[in-house]
Amino acid sequence: MFTYEAPLLGWPLTLARFIPGVLLPPVLGYIGQWLFNIFKR
């Protein structure tokens, strides 16, 4: 990803795509697990 996007789009846009792609899935997984445990009862 960095090899193609950084030279073509620049680092700000590359990091703007990469950071949410790495951080959001685990956070949403924990929120989903928490909601599942709340509504399972």
PDB file of N, CA and C in Angstrom:
ATOM      1  N   MET A   1       0.832  -1.179   0.000  1.00  0.00           N
ATOM      2  CA  MET A   1       0.000   0.000   0.000  1.00  0.00           C
ATOM      3  C   MET A   1       0.879   1.247   0.000  1.00  0.00           C
ATOM      4  N   PHE A   2       1.850   1.293   0.900  1.00  0.00           N
ATOM      5  CA  PHE A   2       2.698   2.484   0.986  1.00  0.00           C
ATOM      6  C   PHE A   2       3.514   2.682  -0.288  1.00  0.00           C
ATOM      7  N   THR A   3       3.898   1.583  -0.918  1.00  0.00           N
ATOM      8  CA  THR A   3       4.743   1.671  -2.099  1.00  0.00           C
ATOM      9  C   THR A   3       4.044   2.397  -3.237  1.00  0.00           C
ATOM     10  N   TYR A   4       2.742   2.178  -3.390  1.00  0.00           N
ATOM     11  CA  TYR A   4       2.015   2.796  -4.491  1.00  0.00           C
ATOM     12  C   TYR A   4       1.324   4.097  -4.100  1.00  0.00           C
ATOM     13  N   GLU A   5       0.747   4.128  -2.930  1.00  0.00           N
ATOM     14  CA  GLU A   5      -0.046   5.302  -2.554  1.00  0.00           C
ATOM     15  C   GLU A   5       0.799   6.496  -2.148  1.00  0.00           C
ATOM     16  N   ALA A   6       1.847   6.284  -1.401  1.00  0.00           N
ATOM     17  CA  ALA A   6       2.644   7.412  -0.906  1.00  0.00           C
ATOM     18  C   ALA A   6       3.233   8.253  -2.037  1.00  0.00           C
ATOM     19  N   PRO A   7       3.864   7.648  -3.049  1.00  0.00           N
ATOM     20  CA  PRO A   7       4.396   8.492  -4.117  1.00  0.00           C
ATOM     21  C   PRO A   7       3.308   9.152  -4.963  1.00  0.00           C
ATOM     22  N   LEU A   8       2.192   8.472  -5.158  1.00  0.00           N
ATOM     23  CA  LEU A   8       1.151   9.011  -6.032  1.00  0.00           C
ATOM     24  C   LEU A   8       0.244  10.010  -5.325  1.00  0.00           C
ATOM     25  N   LEU A   9      -0.154   9.709  -4.096  1.00  0.00           N
ATOM     26  CA  LEU A   9      -1.134  10.532  -3.396  1.00  0.00           C
ATOM     27  C   LEU A   9      -0.523  11.417  -2.322  1.00  0.00           C
ATOM     28  N   GLY A  10       0.662  11.100  -1.877  1.00  0.00           N
ATOM     29  CA  GLY A  10       1.296  11.856  -0.811  1.00  0.00           C
ATOM     30  C   GLY A  10       1.057  11.196   0.538  1.00  0.00           C
ATOM     31  N   TRP A  11       1.902  11.531   1.495  1.00  0.00           N
ATOM     32  CA  TRP A  11       1.819  10.902   2.818  1.00  0.00           C
ATOM     33  C   TRP A  11       0.576  11.277   3.615  1.00  0.00           C
ATOM     34  N   PRO A  12       0.094  12.514   3.552  1.00  0.00           N
ATOM     35  CA  PRO A  12      -1.096  12.824   4.354  1.00  0.00           C
ATOM     36  C   PRO A  12      -2.305  11.965   3.979  1.00  0.00           C
ATOM     37  N   LEU A  13      -2.553  11.804   2.696  1.00  0.00           N
ATOM     38  CA  LEU A  13      -3.693  10.988   2.278  1.00  0.00           C
ATOM     39  C   LEU A  13      -3.448   9.502   2.545  1.00  0.00           C
ATOM     40  N   THR A  14      -2.217   9.067   2.379  1.00  0.00           N
ATOM     41  CA  THR A  14      -1.884   7.668   2.665  1.00  0.00           C
ATOM     42  C   THR A  14      -2.121   7.347   4.138  1.00  0.00           C
ATOM     43  N   LEU A  15      -1.654   8.223   5.024  1.00  0.00           N
ATOM     44  CA  LEU A  15      -1.865   7.993   6.462  1.00  0.00           C
ATOM     45  C   LEU A  15      -3.326   8.166   6.842  1.00  0.00           C
ATOM     46  N   ALA A  16      -4.046   9.041   6.156  1.00  0.00           N
ATOM     47  CA  ALA A  16      -5.470   9.223   6.438  1.00  0.00           C
ATOM     48  C   ALA A  16      -6.262   7.973   6.068  1.00  0.00           C
ATOM     49  N   ARG A  17      -5.772   7.188   5.141  1.00  0.00           N
ATOM     50  CA  ARG A  17      -6.430   5.924   4.795  1.00  0.00           C
ATOM     51  C   ARG A  17      -5.933   4.773   5.664  1.00  0.00           C
ATOM     52  N   PHE A  18      -4.660   4.797   6.019  1.00  0.00           N
ATOM     53  CA  PHE A  18      -4.059   3.673   6.737  1.00  0.00           C
ATOM     54  C   PHE A  18      -4.440   3.636   8.214  1.00  0.00           C
ATOM     55  N   ILE A  19      -4.387   4.773   8.885  1.00  0.00           N
ATOM     56  CA  ILE A  19      -4.619   4.802  10.331  1.00  0.00           C
ATOM     57  C   ILE A  19      -6.045   4.364  10.693  1.00  0.00           C
ATOM     58  N   PRO A  20      -7.091   4.889  10.047  1.00  0.00           N
ATOM     59  CA  PRO A  20      -8.424   4.366  10.377  1.00  0.00           C
ATOM     60  C   PRO A  20      -8.591   2.896  10.010  1.00  0.00           C
ATOM     61  N   GLY A  21      -7.925   2.460   8.946  1.00  0.00           N
ATOM     62  CA  GLY A  21      -8.018   1.058   8.552  1.00  0.00           C
ATOM     63  C   GLY A  21      -7.396   0.118   9.563  1.00  0.00           C
ATOM     64  N   VAL A  22      -6.459   0.604  10.353  1.00  0.00           N
ATOM     65  CA  VAL A  22      -5.800  -0.221  11.365  1.00  0.00           C
ATOM     66  C   VAL A  22      -6.489  -0.081  12.718  1.00  0.00           C
ATOM     67  N   LEU A  23      -6.950   1.108  13.046  1.00  0.00           N
ATOM     68  CA  LEU A  23      -7.503   1.355  14.381  1.00  0.00           C
ATOM     69  C   LEU A  23      -8.983   1.025  14.507  1.00  0.00           C
ATOM     70  N   LEU A  24      -9.760   1.280  13.484  1.00  0.00           N
ATOM     71  CA  LEU A  24     -11.207   1.114  13.615  1.00  0.00           C
ATOM     72  C   LEU A  24     -11.683  -0.336  13.739  1.00  0.00           C
ATOM     73  N   PRO A  25     -11.152  -1.300  12.995  1.00  0.00           N
ATOM     74  CA  PRO A  25     -11.675  -2.662  13.140  1.00  0.00           C
ATOM     75  C   PRO A  25     -11.609  -3.228  14.560  1.00  0.00           C
ATOM     76  N   PRO A  26     -10.487  -3.101  15.299  1.00  0.00           N
ATOM     77  CA  PRO A  26     -10.506  -3.614  16.676  1.00  0.00           C
ATOM     78  C   PRO A  26     -11.474  -2.861  17.576  1.00  0.00           C
ATOM     79  N   VAL A  27     -11.552  -1.545  17.408  1.00  0.00           N
ATOM     80  CA  VAL A  27     -12.463  -0.752  18.241  1.00  0.00           C
ATOM     81  C   VAL A  27     -13.905  -1.162  17.965  1.00  0.00           C
ATOM     82  N   LEU A  28     -14.274  -1.294  16.703  1.00  0.00           N
ATOM     83  CA  LEU A  28     -15.637  -1.709  16.373  1.00  0.00           C
ATOM     84  C   LEU A  28     -15.922  -3.135  16.827  1.00  0.00           C
ATOM     85  N   GLY A  29     -14.901  -3.987  16.830  1.00  0.00           N
ATOM     86  CA  GLY A  29     -15.073  -5.346  17.337  1.00  0.00           C
ATOM     87  C   GLY A  29     -15.387  -5.359  18.822  1.00  0.00           C
ATOM     88  N   TYR A  30     -14.676  -4.543  19.592  1.00  0.00           N
ATOM     89  CA  TYR A  30     -14.950  -4.464  21.024  1.00  0.00           C
ATOM     90  C   TYR A  30     -16.329  -3.867  21.298  1.00  0.00           C
ATOM     91  N   ILE A  31     -16.708  -2.861  20.541  1.00  0.00           N
ATOM     92  CA  ILE A  31     -18.040  -2.267  20.720  1.00  0.00           C
ATOM     93  C   ILE A  31     -19.121  -3.277  20.369  1.00  0.00           C
ATOM     94  N   GLY A  32     -18.922  -4.020  19.296  1.00  0.00           N
ATOM     95  CA  GLY A  32     -19.884  -5.050  18.918  1.00  0.00           C
ATOM     96  C   GLY A  32     -20.000  -6.147  19.947  1.00  0.00           C
ATOM     97  N   GLN A  33     -18.872  -6.565  20.492  1.00  0.00           N
ATOM     98  CA  GLN A  33     -18.895  -7.590  21.542  1.00  0.00           C
ATOM     99  C   GLN A  33     -19.603  -7.074  22.783  1.00  0.00           C
ATOM    100  N   TRP A  34     -19.353  -5.837  23.153  1.00  0.00           N
ATOM    101  CA  TRP A  34     -19.998  -5.227  24.316  1.00  0.00           C
ATOM    102  C   TRP A  34     -21.505  -5.149  24.104  1.00  0.00           C
ATOM    103  N   LEU A  35     -21.949  -4.707  22.920  1.00  0.00           N
ATOM    104  CA  LEU A  35     -23.384  -4.631  22.636  1.00  0.00           C
ATOM    105  C   LEU A  35     -24.028  -6.016  22.621  1.00  0.00           C
ATOM    106  N   PHE A  36     -23.320  -7.001  22.065  1.00  0.00           N
ATOM    107  CA  PHE A  36     -23.844  -8.359  22.037  1.00  0.00           C
ATOM    108  C   PHE A  36     -24.049  -8.884  23.454  1.00  0.00           C
ATOM    109  N   ASN A  37     -23.102  -8.612  24.342  1.00  0.00           N
ATOM    110  CA  ASN A  37     -23.228  -9.069  25.727  1.00  0.00           C
ATOM    111  C   ASN A  37     -24.357  -8.343  26.458  1.00  0.00           C
ATOM    112  N   ILE A  38     -24.604  -7.101  26.135  1.00  0.00           N
ATOM    113  CA  ILE A  38     -25.686  -6.354  26.780  1.00  0.00           C
ATOM    114  C   ILE A  38     -27.041  -6.924  26.350  1.00  0.00           C
ATOM    115  N   PHE A  39     -27.222  -7.135  25.047  1.00  0.00           N
ATOM    116  CA  PHE A  39     -28.528  -7.552  24.545  1.00  0.00           C
ATOM    117  C   PHE A  39     -28.754  -9.051  24.635  1.00  0.00           C
ATOM    118  N   LYS A  40     -27.703  -9.813  24.972  1.00  0.00           N
ATOM    119  CA  LYS A  40     -27.863 -11.261  25.112  1.00  0.00           C
ATOM    120  C   LYS A  40     -28.620 -11.618  26.381  1.00  0.00           C
ATOM    121  N   ARG A  41     -28.522 -10.766  27.395  1.00  0.00           N
ATOM    122  CA  ARG A  41     -29.150 -11.049  28.685  1.00  0.00           C
ATOM    123  C   ARG A  41     -30.639 -11.007  28.633  1.00  0.00           C
TER     124      ARG A  41
END
